[in-house]
């Protein structure tokens, strides 16, 4: 993980745990592993958008991404929704500044 230019934080939009809690846990684990990873370019990726029963989850992800100053995208591995956008955003972040 130390060699990665970009970190994708996968957030299960259809899961029981809230978006903020999932991201809090991810960031806490990164900080415990290596605090420098929190400064790495990252993208919040909301997964399972095809199974979403609460439409506010996507809005919550967008708001949290704005607070953290990172990009975001929602995807579905089942339908393929958002995968191209996720790849484009990842490549853009990975490109040297």
Protein backbone atom coordinates (compact mmCIF):
# COMPACT_ATOMS: atom_id res chain seq x y z
CA UNK A 1 0.00 0.00 0.00
CA UNK A 2 2.95 2.34 0.57
CA UNK A 3 3.73 2.29 -3.17
CA UNK A 4 0.20 3.23 -4.27
CA UNK A 5 -0.24 6.73 -5.67
CA UNK A 6 -3.99 6.70 -5.08
CA UNK A 7 -6.10 4.97 -2.46
CA UNK A 8 -9.68 3.99 -3.24
CA UNK A 9 -11.86 3.86 -0.14
CA UNK A 10 -14.69 1.42 -0.88
CA UNK A 11 -17.88 2.24 1.02
CA UNK A 12 -20.78 -0.23 0.98
CA UNK A 13 -23.82 1.94 0.28
CA UNK A 14 -26.21 -0.98 0.79
CA UNK A 15 -24.67 -2.12 4.08
CA UNK A 16 -25.96 -1.70 7.60
CA UNK A 17 -23.12 0.53 8.71
CA UNK A 18 -23.43 4.20 7.76
CA UNK A 19 -21.21 5.93 5.24
CA UNK A 20 -19.52 8.17 7.82
CA UNK A 21 -18.80 5.25 10.13
CA UNK A 22 -17.27 3.16 7.34
CA UNK A 23 -15.02 6.02 6.25
CA UNK A 24 -14.09 6.78 9.87
CA UNK A 25 -12.99 3.17 10.38
CA UNK A 26 -11.03 3.14 7.09
CA UNK A 27 -9.21 6.37 7.95
CA UNK A 28 -8.52 5.20 11.51
CA UNK A 29 -7.00 1.95 10.24
CA UNK A 30 -4.84 3.85 7.73
CA UNK A 31 -3.63 6.20 10.45
CA UNK A 32 -2.73 3.29 12.73
CA UNK A 33 -0.85 1.59 9.90
CA UNK A 34 0.95 4.68 8.58
CA UNK A 35 -0.28 8.23 9.28
CA UNK A 36 1.33 9.46 6.04
CA UNK A 37 -1.24 7.45 4.08
CA UNK A 38 -3.96 9.89 5.13
CA UNK A 39 -2.25 12.55 3.02
CA UNK A 40 -2.25 10.29 -0.05
CA UNK A 41 -4.57 11.15 -2.93
CA UNK A 42 -7.80 9.24 -2.48
CA UNK A 43 -11.23 8.65 -3.91
CA UNK A 44 -14.38 7.63 -2.04
CA UNK A 45 -16.11 4.86 -3.97
CA UNK A 46 -19.68 4.04 -3.01
CA UNK A 47 -20.31 0.42 -3.96
CA UNK A 48 -23.47 -1.61 -4.52
CA UNK A 49 -25.44 1.36 -5.84
CA UNK A 50 -27.65 -1.19 -7.65
CA UNK A 51 -28.83 -2.53 -4.26
CA UNK A 52 -29.33 0.87 -2.65
CA UNK A 53 -32.54 1.11 -0.66
CA UNK A 54 -31.78 4.48 0.98
CA UNK A 55 -31.11 7.17 -1.66
CA UNK A 56 -29.63 9.51 0.97
CA UNK A 57 -26.56 7.26 1.18
CA UNK A 58 -25.22 8.65 -2.10
CA UNK A 59 -25.85 12.20 -0.91
CA UNK A 60 -24.09 11.41 2.37
CA UNK A 61 -21.08 10.08 0.45
CA UNK A 62 -20.95 13.22 -1.69
CA UNK A 63 -21.14 15.51 1.37
CA UNK A 64 -18.43 13.58 3.20
CA UNK A 65 -16.15 13.68 0.15
CA UNK A 66 -16.57 17.47 0.04
CA UNK A 67 -15.69 17.72 3.75
CA UNK A 68 -12.57 15.61 3.25
CA UNK A 69 -11.62 17.39 0.02
CA UNK A 70 -11.57 14.20 -2.04
CA UNK A 71 -13.36 12.97 -5.11
CA UNK A 72 -16.18 10.48 -5.08
CA UNK A 73 -18.01 8.12 -7.38
CA UNK A 74 -20.72 5.48 -7.01
CA UNK A 75 -20.41 2.14 -8.74
CA UNK A 76 -22.11 -1.18 -9.25
CA UNK A 77 -19.99 -4.21 -10.07
CA UNK A 78 -23.19 -6.02 -11.02
CA UNK A 79 -24.48 -3.52 -13.59
CA UNK A 80 -21.18 -1.83 -14.43
CA UNK A 81 -22.58 1.59 -13.50
CA UNK A 82 -19.88 4.13 -12.70
CA UNK A 83 -16.91 1.85 -13.40
CA UNK A 84 -15.63 3.95 -16.31
CA UNK A 85 -15.95 7.12 -14.23
CA UNK A 86 -14.08 5.46 -11.35
CA UNK A 87 -11.24 4.42 -13.64
CA UNK A 88 -11.00 7.88 -15.20
CA UNK A 89 -10.93 9.54 -11.77
CA UNK A 90 -8.30 7.10 -10.53
CA UNK A 91 -6.05 7.64 -13.54
CA UNK A 92 -6.44 11.42 -13.22
CA UNK A 93 -5.41 11.28 -9.56
CA UNK A 94 -2.50 8.95 -10.30
CA UNK A 95 -1.06 11.19 -12.99
CA UNK A 96 1.95 13.20 -11.85
CA UNK A 97 0.98 16.75 -10.92
